[in-house]
């Protein structure tokens, strides 16, 4: 589901570094409790619970009612196509969007460098992986259509981590399409 992040509160909620890590974890590995995430990220359970409630408040995650029982609450990511605003008159929204975009870029960069430094340890996935560089010449309208077609393609391949077949791994997909600076 496409979601344009145009309000400053949602942007700030997701731009918090620990919330971003928790959101990413839930997207990659499936449902978890606040205790699971607190242990994984080395924080206290109360703090983890607070950050999860903030992510839920802004509809990035929701309770996994099928797994939850009593006081043991599981959280799961809501499948989203998150979009950052590009041109905004509001400096607070622009700053929050820039921060979130920076976090996303830095995470992707770290993951790519980690993968490239140890490709041989990924077995059959190394042969299946691709790093590609290309370019084209487009109008602004064509660039917008190109991006939408890419997202539609990537969305067709989305799978909940709890439904993945044996041998599946989480795959990072990077996409940047922008006018080449002069």
N, C-alpha and C. Protein backbone atom coordinates (compact mmCIF):
# COMPACT_ATOMS: atom_id res chain seq x y z
N UNK A 1 0.84 -1.17 0.00
CA UNK A 1 0.00 0.00 0.00
C UNK A 1 0.90 1.25 0.00
N UNK A 2 0.63 2.14 -0.94
CA UNK A 2 1.41 3.38 -1.03
C UNK A 2 1.03 4.31 0.10
N UNK A 3 2.06 4.90 0.69
CA UNK A 3 1.83 5.89 1.74
C UNK A 3 2.81 7.04 1.57
N UNK A 4 2.28 8.20 1.27
CA UNK A 4 3.09 9.41 1.17
C UNK A 4 3.27 9.98 2.57
N UNK A 5 4.50 10.08 3.00
CA UNK A 5 4.80 10.60 4.33
C UNK A 5 4.89 12.13 4.24
N UNK A 6 3.76 12.78 4.46
CA UNK A 6 3.70 14.22 4.29
C UNK A 6 3.47 14.97 5.59
N UNK A 7 3.23 14.25 6.68
CA UNK A 7 3.04 14.97 7.95
C UNK A 7 4.28 14.79 8.81
N UNK A 8 4.65 15.86 9.47
CA UNK A 8 5.90 15.91 10.22
C UNK A 8 5.92 14.89 11.36
N UNK A 9 4.78 14.64 12.00
CA UNK A 9 4.77 13.71 13.13
C UNK A 9 5.08 12.28 12.69
N UNK A 10 4.51 11.83 11.57
CA UNK A 10 4.82 10.50 11.05
C UNK A 10 6.28 10.40 10.64
N UNK A 11 6.79 11.44 9.97
CA UNK A 11 8.19 11.44 9.57
C UNK A 11 9.11 11.37 10.77
N UNK A 12 8.83 12.16 11.79
CA UNK A 12 9.66 12.15 13.00
C UNK A 12 9.58 10.81 13.72
N UNK A 13 8.38 10.23 13.74
CA UNK A 13 8.22 8.93 14.42
C UNK A 13 9.10 7.88 13.76
N UNK A 14 9.14 7.87 12.45
CA UNK A 14 9.92 6.85 11.74
C UNK A 14 11.40 7.22 11.65
N UNK A 15 11.73 8.50 11.75
CA UNK A 15 13.13 8.94 11.64
C UNK A 15 13.94 8.67 12.91
N UNK A 16 13.28 8.33 13.99
CA UNK A 16 14.02 8.01 15.22
C UNK A 16 14.86 6.76 14.94
N UNK A 17 16.17 6.79 15.19
CA UNK A 17 17.04 5.66 14.80
C UNK A 17 16.61 4.31 15.37
N UNK A 18 16.24 4.22 16.64
CA UNK A 18 15.84 2.93 17.20
C UNK A 18 14.52 2.46 16.60
N UNK A 19 13.60 3.37 16.39
CA UNK A 19 12.32 2.99 15.76
C UNK A 19 12.57 2.49 14.34
N UNK A 20 13.47 3.15 13.62
CA UNK A 20 13.78 2.73 12.27
C UNK A 20 14.37 1.31 12.28
N UNK A 21 15.24 1.03 13.26
CA UNK A 21 15.83 -0.31 13.37
C UNK A 21 14.76 -1.35 13.70
N UNK A 22 13.86 -1.01 14.61
CA UNK A 22 12.79 -1.95 14.98
C UNK A 22 11.86 -2.21 13.80
N UNK A 23 11.50 -1.14 13.09
CA UNK A 23 10.63 -1.26 11.93
C UNK A 23 11.28 -2.15 10.87
N UNK A 24 12.56 -1.92 10.62
CA UNK A 24 13.30 -2.73 9.66
C UNK A 24 13.34 -4.19 10.11
N UNK A 25 13.60 -4.42 11.39
CA UNK A 25 13.65 -5.78 11.92
C UNK A 25 12.31 -6.51 11.71
N UNK A 26 11.22 -5.84 12.02
CA UNK A 26 9.90 -6.46 11.86
C UNK A 26 9.61 -6.75 10.38
N UNK A 27 10.04 -5.87 9.49
CA UNK A 27 9.86 -6.11 8.06
C UNK A 27 10.67 -7.31 7.58
N UNK A 28 11.86 -7.47 8.12
CA UNK A 28 12.75 -8.53 7.63
C UNK A 28 12.52 -9.89 8.27
N UNK A 29 12.22 -9.88 9.55
CA UNK A 29 12.19 -11.15 10.28
C UNK A 29 10.81 -11.54 10.78
N UNK A 30 9.84 -10.67 10.60
CA UNK A 30 8.48 -10.98 11.01
C UNK A 30 8.20 -10.53 12.43
N UNK A 31 7.06 -10.94 12.95
CA UNK A 31 6.57 -10.47 14.24
C UNK A 31 7.54 -10.73 15.40
N UNK A 32 7.49 -9.81 16.37
CA UNK A 32 8.33 -9.92 17.57
C UNK A 32 7.64 -9.17 18.71
N UNK A 33 8.05 -9.48 19.91
CA UNK A 33 7.54 -8.80 21.10
C UNK A 33 8.49 -7.67 21.48
N UNK A 34 8.05 -6.81 22.38
CA UNK A 34 8.93 -5.75 22.87
C UNK A 34 10.13 -6.36 23.59
N UNK A 35 9.92 -7.48 24.29
CA UNK A 35 11.04 -8.14 24.98
C UNK A 35 12.06 -8.67 23.98
N UNK A 36 11.56 -9.26 22.88
CA UNK A 36 12.46 -9.76 21.83
C UNK A 36 13.31 -8.63 21.27
N UNK A 37 12.65 -7.51 20.96
CA UNK A 37 13.35 -6.39 20.34
C UNK A 37 14.27 -5.68 21.34
N UNK A 38 13.86 -5.60 22.59
CA UNK A 38 14.71 -4.99 23.62
C UNK A 38 16.01 -5.78 23.74
N UNK A 39 15.90 -7.10 23.78
CA UNK A 39 17.10 -7.95 23.88
C UNK A 39 17.97 -7.80 22.64
N UNK A 40 17.34 -7.79 21.49
CA UNK A 40 18.09 -7.71 20.23
C UNK A 40 18.84 -6.38 20.10
N UNK A 41 18.20 -5.28 20.51
CA UNK A 41 18.81 -3.97 20.34
C UNK A 41 19.48 -3.43 21.60
N UNK A 42 19.53 -4.21 22.65
CA UNK A 42 20.23 -3.81 23.86
C UNK A 42 19.61 -2.61 24.56
N UNK A 43 18.30 -2.59 24.62
CA UNK A 43 17.59 -1.52 25.30
C UNK A 43 16.64 -2.14 26.32
N UNK A 44 16.04 -1.32 27.17
CA UNK A 44 15.12 -1.88 28.16
C UNK A 44 13.76 -2.14 27.53
N UNK A 45 13.03 -3.07 28.11
CA UNK A 45 11.75 -3.49 27.55
C UNK A 45 10.74 -2.34 27.54
N UNK A 46 10.73 -1.50 28.59
CA UNK A 46 9.82 -0.37 28.62
C UNK A 46 10.07 0.61 27.48
N UNK A 47 11.34 0.88 27.22
CA UNK A 47 11.69 1.76 26.10
C UNK A 47 11.29 1.16 24.77
N UNK A 48 11.56 -0.13 24.60
CA UNK A 48 11.19 -0.82 23.36
C UNK A 48 9.67 -0.77 23.18
N UNK A 49 8.94 -1.01 24.25
CA UNK A 49 7.48 -0.97 24.19
C UNK A 49 6.98 0.42 23.78
N UNK A 50 7.57 1.45 24.35
CA UNK A 50 7.19 2.82 24.01
C UNK A 50 7.40 3.08 22.51
N UNK A 51 8.57 2.70 21.99
CA UNK A 51 8.87 2.95 20.58
C UNK A 51 7.94 2.15 19.67
N UNK A 52 7.60 0.93 20.06
CA UNK A 52 6.65 0.14 19.28
C UNK A 52 5.27 0.80 19.27
N UNK A 53 4.85 1.32 20.40
CA UNK A 53 3.54 2.01 20.44
C UNK A 53 3.55 3.25 19.55
N UNK A 54 4.69 3.95 19.48
CA UNK A 54 4.79 5.11 18.61
C UNK A 54 4.69 4.69 17.13
N UNK A 55 5.37 3.62 16.78
CA UNK A 55 5.27 3.12 15.40
C UNK A 55 3.84 2.69 15.08
N UNK A 56 3.15 2.09 16.05
CA UNK A 56 1.76 1.68 15.84
C UNK A 56 0.85 2.91 15.74
N UNK A 57 1.11 3.89 16.57
CA UNK A 57 0.30 5.12 16.56
C UNK A 57 0.27 5.76 15.17
N UNK A 58 1.40 5.70 14.48
CA UNK A 58 1.50 6.30 13.16
C UNK A 58 1.33 5.28 12.03
N UNK A 59 0.80 4.11 12.36
CA UNK A 59 0.40 3.06 11.40
C UNK A 59 1.54 2.53 10.54
N UNK A 60 2.71 2.33 11.18
CA UNK A 60 3.80 1.64 10.51
C UNK A 60 3.80 0.16 10.88
N UNK A 61 3.30 -0.13 12.08
CA UNK A 61 3.21 -1.51 12.56
C UNK A 61 1.84 -1.68 13.22
N UNK A 62 1.49 -2.94 13.50
CA UNK A 62 0.26 -3.23 14.21
C UNK A 62 0.45 -4.48 15.04
N UNK A 63 -0.46 -4.68 15.98
CA UNK A 63 -0.40 -5.89 16.80
C UNK A 63 -0.72 -7.10 15.92
N UNK A 64 0.04 -8.16 16.11
CA UNK A 64 -0.23 -9.43 15.45
C UNK A 64 -1.14 -10.22 16.38
N UNK A 65 -2.43 -10.04 16.21
CA UNK A 65 -3.40 -10.64 17.14
C UNK A 65 -3.42 -12.16 17.06
N UNK A 66 -2.99 -12.74 15.94
CA UNK A 66 -2.94 -14.21 15.84
C UNK A 66 -1.87 -14.80 16.76
N UNK A 67 -0.80 -14.07 17.01
CA UNK A 67 0.29 -14.57 17.86
C UNK A 67 0.19 -14.09 19.30
N UNK A 68 -0.41 -12.94 19.51
CA UNK A 68 -0.47 -12.35 20.84
C UNK A 68 -1.37 -13.18 21.76
N UNK A 69 -0.99 -13.22 23.03
CA UNK A 69 -1.79 -13.92 24.03
C UNK A 69 -1.56 -13.26 25.39
N UNK A 70 -2.63 -12.84 26.03
CA UNK A 70 -2.50 -12.21 27.34
C UNK A 70 -1.68 -10.94 27.25
N UNK A 71 -0.67 -10.86 28.12
CA UNK A 71 0.19 -9.67 28.13
C UNK A 71 1.32 -9.77 27.11
N UNK A 72 1.47 -10.93 26.50
CA UNK A 72 2.53 -11.12 25.49
C UNK A 72 2.01 -10.64 24.14
N UNK A 73 2.41 -9.42 23.77
CA UNK A 73 1.92 -8.79 22.55
C UNK A 73 3.00 -8.87 21.47
N UNK A 74 2.62 -9.43 20.33
CA UNK A 74 3.49 -9.46 19.16
C UNK A 74 3.13 -8.31 18.24
N UNK A 75 4.16 -7.74 17.63
CA UNK A 75 3.99 -6.65 16.68
C UNK A 75 4.46 -7.10 15.32
N UNK A 76 3.80 -6.61 14.27
CA UNK A 76 4.22 -6.92 12.90
C UNK A 76 4.19 -5.65 12.06
N UNK A 77 5.04 -5.62 11.06
CA UNK A 77 5.09 -4.47 10.14
C UNK A 77 3.88 -4.52 9.22
N UNK A 78 3.38 -3.35 8.88
CA UNK A 78 2.33 -3.22 7.88
C UNK A 78 3.04 -3.07 6.53
N UNK A 79 2.74 -3.93 5.55
CA UNK A 79 3.42 -3.79 4.24
C UNK A 79 3.10 -2.43 3.61
N UNK A 80 4.12 -1.63 3.40
CA UNK A 80 3.92 -0.27 2.91
C UNK A 80 4.94 0.08 1.83
N UNK A 81 4.53 0.91 0.91
CA UNK A 81 5.40 1.56 -0.05
C UNK A 81 5.52 2.99 0.46
N UNK A 82 6.55 3.25 1.25
CA UNK A 82 6.71 4.56 1.89
C UNK A 82 7.38 5.54 0.93
N UNK A 83 6.79 6.73 0.83
CA UNK A 83 7.32 7.76 -0.06
C UNK A 83 7.62 9.02 0.73
N UNK A 84 8.81 9.56 0.52
CA UNK A 84 9.20 10.81 1.16
C UNK A 84 8.82 11.98 0.26
N UNK A 85 8.43 13.11 0.86
CA UNK A 85 8.13 14.28 0.05
C UNK A 85 9.41 14.85 -0.55
N UNK A 86 9.32 15.34 -1.78
CA UNK A 86 10.50 15.93 -2.43
C UNK A 86 10.51 17.44 -2.31
N UNK A 87 9.43 18.06 -2.66
CA UNK A 87 9.37 19.51 -2.63
C UNK A 87 8.29 19.93 -1.64
N UNK A 88 8.71 20.61 -0.59
CA UNK A 88 7.75 21.07 0.40
C UNK A 88 8.14 22.46 0.87
N UNK A 89 7.15 23.24 1.17
CA UNK A 89 7.38 24.60 1.67
C UNK A 89 7.67 24.58 3.17
N UNK A 90 7.34 23.50 3.83
CA UNK A 90 7.46 23.42 5.29
C UNK A 90 8.87 22.94 5.65
N UNK A 91 9.67 23.79 6.27
CA UNK A 91 11.06 23.40 6.60
C UNK A 91 11.13 22.26 7.61
N UNK A 92 10.15 22.13 8.49
CA UNK A 92 10.16 21.04 9.47
C UNK A 92 9.92 19.70 8.79
N UNK A 93 8.99 19.66 7.83
CA UNK A 93 8.74 18.43 7.07
C UNK A 93 9.96 18.10 6.23
N UNK A 94 10.55 19.11 5.59
CA UNK A 94 11.74 18.88 4.76
C UNK A 94 12.88 18.32 5.60
N UNK A 95 13.10 18.85 6.79
CA UNK A 95 14.19 18.37 7.65
C UNK A 95 13.94 16.93 8.10
N UNK A 96 12.71 16.61 8.48
CA UNK A 96 12.39 15.25 8.92
C UNK A 96 12.51 14.27 7.75
N UNK A 97 12.05 14.66 6.57
CA UNK A 97 12.17 13.80 5.38
C UNK A 97 13.63 13.59 5.01
N UNK A 98 14.43 14.64 5.10
CA UNK A 98 15.86 14.52 4.80
C UNK A 98 16.54 13.56 5.78
N UNK A 99 16.19 13.65 7.05
CA UNK A 99 16.78 12.77 8.06
C UNK A 99 16.40 11.31 7.80
N UNK A 100 15.13 11.07 7.50
CA UNK A 100 14.69 9.71 7.23
C UNK A 100 15.34 9.18 5.96
N UNK A 101 15.42 9.99 4.93
CA UNK A 101 16.09 9.59 3.69
C UNK A 101 17.56 9.27 3.93
N UNK A 102 18.21 10.07 4.77
CA UNK A 102 19.62 9.82 5.12
C UNK A 102 19.76 8.48 5.83
N UNK A 103 18.86 8.20 6.78
CA UNK A 103 18.91 6.92 7.49
C UNK A 103 18.75 5.75 6.53
N UNK A 104 17.79 5.85 5.61
CA UNK A 104 17.57 4.78 4.64
C UNK A 104 18.80 4.58 3.76
N UNK A 105 19.38 5.68 3.29
CA UNK A 105 20.54 5.60 2.42
C UNK A 105 21.73 4.99 3.16
N UNK A 106 21.99 5.45 4.38
CA UNK A 106 23.13 4.93 5.14
C UNK A 106 22.96 3.45 5.45
N UNK A 107 21.74 3.03 5.77
CA UNK A 107 21.50 1.60 6.02
C UNK A 107 21.77 0.78 4.76
N UNK A 108 21.27 1.23 3.63
CA UNK A 108 21.49 0.51 2.38
C UNK A 108 22.97 0.47 2.02
N UNK A 109 23.66 1.56 2.24
CA UNK A 109 25.09 1.62 1.94
C UNK A 109 25.88 0.65 2.84
N UNK A 110 25.56 0.62 4.13
CA UNK A 110 26.23 -0.31 5.06
C UNK A 110 25.99 -1.76 4.62
N UNK A 111 24.76 -2.06 4.27
CA UNK A 111 24.43 -3.44 3.89
C UNK A 111 25.15 -3.84 2.60
N UNK A 112 25.20 -2.95 1.62
CA UNK A 112 25.89 -3.27 0.38
C UNK A 112 27.38 -3.47 0.62
N UNK A 113 28.01 -2.60 1.38
CA UNK A 113 29.44 -2.75 1.66
C UNK A 113 29.74 -4.02 2.45
N UNK A 114 28.86 -4.36 3.40
CA UNK A 114 29.03 -5.60 4.16
C UNK A 114 28.94 -6.80 3.23
N UNK A 115 27.94 -6.80 2.36
CA UNK A 115 27.79 -7.90 1.40
C UNK A 115 29.01 -8.00 0.49
N UNK A 116 29.44 -6.88 -0.07
CA UNK A 116 30.56 -6.91 -1.02
C UNK A 116 31.86 -7.35 -0.37
N UNK A 117 32.03 -7.08 0.92
CA UNK A 117 33.26 -7.46 1.60
C UNK A 117 33.34 -8.95 1.91
N UNK A 118 32.22 -9.66 1.79
CA UNK A 118 32.22 -11.08 2.15
C UNK A 118 31.25 -11.88 1.26
N UNK A 119 31.27 -11.59 -0.05
CA UNK A 119 30.33 -12.22 -0.97
C UNK A 119 30.38 -13.74 -0.95
N UNK A 120 31.55 -14.30 -0.78
CA UNK A 120 31.71 -15.75 -0.86
C UNK A 120 30.93 -16.50 0.20
N UNK A 121 30.60 -15.84 1.31
CA UNK A 121 29.89 -16.54 2.39
C UNK A 121 28.39 -16.68 2.12
N UNK A 122 27.90 -16.14 1.01
CA UNK A 122 26.46 -16.19 0.72
C UNK A 122 26.08 -17.32 -0.23
N UNK A 123 27.03 -18.19 -0.55
CA UNK A 123 26.74 -19.38 -1.34
C UNK A 123 26.01 -19.08 -2.64
N UNK A 124 24.93 -19.83 -2.89
CA UNK A 124 24.19 -19.71 -4.14
C UNK A 124 23.60 -18.31 -4.34
N UNK A 125 23.43 -17.56 -3.28
CA UNK A 125 22.89 -16.21 -3.40
C UNK A 125 23.87 -15.27 -4.08
N UNK A 126 25.17 -15.54 -3.97
CA UNK A 126 26.17 -14.70 -4.62
C UNK A 126 26.01 -14.76 -6.13
N UNK A 127 25.81 -15.96 -6.67
CA UNK A 127 25.62 -16.09 -8.11
C UNK A 127 24.30 -15.49 -8.58
N UNK A 128 23.30 -15.49 -7.71
CA UNK A 128 21.98 -14.96 -8.08
C UNK A 128 21.89 -13.45 -7.90
N UNK A 129 22.76 -12.88 -7.07
CA UNK A 129 22.71 -11.44 -6.79
C UNK A 129 23.16 -10.64 -8.00
N UNK A 130 22.77 -9.37 -8.02
CA UNK A 130 23.16 -8.51 -9.14
C UNK A 130 23.49 -7.12 -8.63
N UNK A 131 24.54 -6.58 -9.16
CA UNK A 131 24.85 -5.17 -9.00
C UNK A 131 24.91 -4.60 -10.40
N UNK A 132 24.12 -3.61 -10.66
CA UNK A 132 24.00 -3.08 -12.00
C UNK A 132 24.03 -1.56 -11.97
N UNK A 133 24.57 -0.98 -13.00
CA UNK A 133 24.56 0.47 -13.14
C UNK A 133 24.12 0.77 -14.55
N UNK A 134 23.19 1.66 -14.69
CA UNK A 134 22.72 2.05 -16.01
C UNK A 134 22.21 3.47 -15.96
N UNK A 135 21.87 3.98 -17.12
CA UNK A 135 21.30 5.32 -17.18
C UNK A 135 20.46 5.44 -18.43
N UNK A 136 19.68 6.48 -18.48
CA UNK A 136 18.84 6.74 -19.64
C UNK A 136 18.54 8.23 -19.68
N UNK A 137 17.78 8.64 -20.66
CA UNK A 137 17.37 10.03 -20.79
C UNK A 137 15.85 10.07 -20.80
N UNK A 138 15.26 10.77 -19.83
CA UNK A 138 13.81 10.79 -19.67
C UNK A 138 13.30 12.19 -19.43
N UNK A 139 12.04 12.40 -19.71
CA UNK A 139 11.37 13.62 -19.28
C UNK A 139 10.97 13.44 -17.82
N UNK A 140 10.54 14.51 -17.17
CA UNK A 140 10.09 14.40 -15.77
C UNK A 140 8.90 13.46 -15.67
N UNK A 141 7.98 13.53 -16.62
CA UNK A 141 6.80 12.63 -16.58
C UNK A 141 7.23 11.18 -16.77
N UNK A 142 8.18 10.93 -17.66
CA UNK A 142 8.66 9.57 -17.86
C UNK A 142 9.39 9.05 -16.63
N UNK A 143 10.17 9.92 -15.98
CA UNK A 143 10.86 9.52 -14.76
C UNK A 143 9.85 9.11 -13.68
N UNK A 144 8.80 9.88 -13.54
CA UNK A 144 7.76 9.54 -12.55
C UNK A 144 7.12 8.20 -12.89
N UNK A 145 6.81 7.96 -14.17
CA UNK A 145 6.21 6.68 -14.58
C UNK A 145 7.20 5.53 -14.37
N UNK A 146 8.46 5.76 -14.68
CA UNK A 146 9.51 4.75 -14.49
C UNK A 146 9.54 4.32 -13.02
N UNK A 147 9.53 5.29 -12.10
CA UNK A 147 9.55 4.98 -10.67
C UNK A 147 8.33 4.20 -10.24
N UNK A 148 7.16 4.58 -10.72
CA UNK A 148 5.92 3.87 -10.37
C UNK A 148 5.95 2.43 -10.88
N UNK A 149 6.44 2.23 -12.09
CA UNK A 149 6.53 0.87 -12.65
C UNK A 149 7.52 0.02 -11.85
N UNK A 150 8.62 0.62 -11.43
CA UNK A 150 9.59 -0.10 -10.61
C UNK A 150 8.95 -0.54 -9.29
N UNK A 151 8.27 0.38 -8.62
CA UNK A 151 7.64 0.04 -7.33
C UNK A 151 6.59 -1.04 -7.52
N UNK A 152 5.80 -0.97 -8.59
CA UNK A 152 4.79 -2.00 -8.85
C UNK A 152 5.47 -3.36 -9.05
N UNK A 153 6.57 -3.38 -9.77
CA UNK A 153 7.33 -4.61 -9.97
C UNK A 153 7.85 -5.17 -8.64
N UNK A 154 8.49 -4.31 -7.85
CA UNK A 154 9.02 -4.75 -6.55
C UNK A 154 7.91 -5.23 -5.63
N UNK A 155 6.76 -4.59 -5.68
CA UNK A 155 5.63 -4.97 -4.84
C UNK A 155 5.13 -6.37 -5.19
N UNK A 156 5.15 -6.71 -6.47
CA UNK A 156 4.72 -8.07 -6.87
C UNK A 156 5.60 -9.14 -6.25
N UNK A 157 6.84 -8.81 -5.94
CA UNK A 157 7.77 -9.78 -5.37
C UNK A 157 7.81 -9.75 -3.84
N UNK A 158 7.05 -8.88 -3.22
CA UNK A 158 7.07 -8.77 -1.76
C UNK A 158 6.46 -10.04 -1.14
N UNK A 159 7.08 -10.51 -0.07
CA UNK A 159 6.59 -11.68 0.66
C UNK A 159 6.78 -11.45 2.14
N UNK A 160 5.78 -11.79 2.92
CA UNK A 160 5.88 -11.73 4.38
C UNK A 160 6.95 -12.73 4.81
N UNK A 161 7.88 -12.33 5.70
CA UNK A 161 8.95 -13.25 6.09
C UNK A 161 8.44 -14.54 6.73
N UNK A 162 7.27 -14.51 7.33
CA UNK A 162 6.74 -15.73 7.96
C UNK A 162 6.18 -16.71 6.93
N UNK A 163 6.05 -16.28 5.68
CA UNK A 163 5.52 -17.15 4.63
C UNK A 163 6.59 -17.57 3.63
N UNK A 164 7.84 -17.28 3.93
CA UNK A 164 8.93 -17.59 3.01
C UNK A 164 9.23 -19.08 3.01
N UNK A 165 9.54 -19.64 1.84
CA UNK A 165 9.90 -21.06 1.79
C UNK A 165 11.29 -21.31 2.40
N UNK A 166 11.57 -22.56 2.70
CA UNK A 166 12.87 -22.93 3.23
C UNK A 166 13.95 -22.47 2.25
N UNK A 167 15.04 -21.96 2.80
CA UNK A 167 16.16 -21.51 1.98
C UNK A 167 16.06 -20.07 1.53
N UNK A 168 14.94 -19.41 1.82
CA UNK A 168 14.80 -18.00 1.42
C UNK A 168 15.57 -17.12 2.39
N UNK A 169 16.07 -16.02 1.88
CA UNK A 169 16.78 -15.01 2.68
C UNK A 169 16.14 -13.67 2.42
N UNK A 170 16.32 -12.75 3.36
CA UNK A 170 15.90 -11.38 3.12
C UNK A 170 16.82 -10.78 2.07
N UNK A 171 16.27 -10.08 1.11
CA UNK A 171 17.03 -9.48 0.03
C UNK A 171 16.87 -7.97 0.08
N UNK A 172 17.96 -7.25 0.08
CA UNK A 172 17.93 -5.79 0.03
C UNK A 172 17.89 -5.36 -1.42
N UNK A 173 16.96 -4.48 -1.75
CA UNK A 173 16.82 -3.98 -3.11
C UNK A 173 17.03 -2.47 -3.05
N UNK A 174 17.98 -1.98 -3.81
CA UNK A 174 18.28 -0.55 -3.85
C UNK A 174 17.77 0.04 -5.15
N UNK A 175 17.18 1.19 -5.08
CA UNK A 175 16.73 1.87 -6.29
C UNK A 175 16.86 3.36 -6.09
N UNK A 176 17.54 3.99 -6.99
CA UNK A 176 17.66 5.44 -7.01
C UNK A 176 17.46 5.88 -8.45
N UNK A 177 16.58 6.80 -8.66
CA UNK A 177 16.39 7.37 -9.99
C UNK A 177 16.24 8.88 -9.82
N UNK A 178 17.18 9.61 -10.35
CA UNK A 178 17.19 11.06 -10.15
C UNK A 178 17.94 11.71 -11.30
N UNK A 179 17.71 13.01 -11.50
CA UNK A 179 18.45 13.69 -12.56
C UNK A 179 19.94 13.73 -12.22
N UNK A 180 20.75 13.40 -13.19
CA UNK A 180 22.20 13.41 -12.99
C UNK A 180 22.68 14.85 -12.83
N UNK A 181 23.37 15.12 -11.71
CA UNK A 181 23.89 16.49 -11.54
C UNK A 181 24.91 16.82 -12.63
N UNK A 182 24.95 18.08 -13.03
CA UNK A 182 25.89 18.51 -14.09
C UNK A 182 27.31 18.49 -13.58
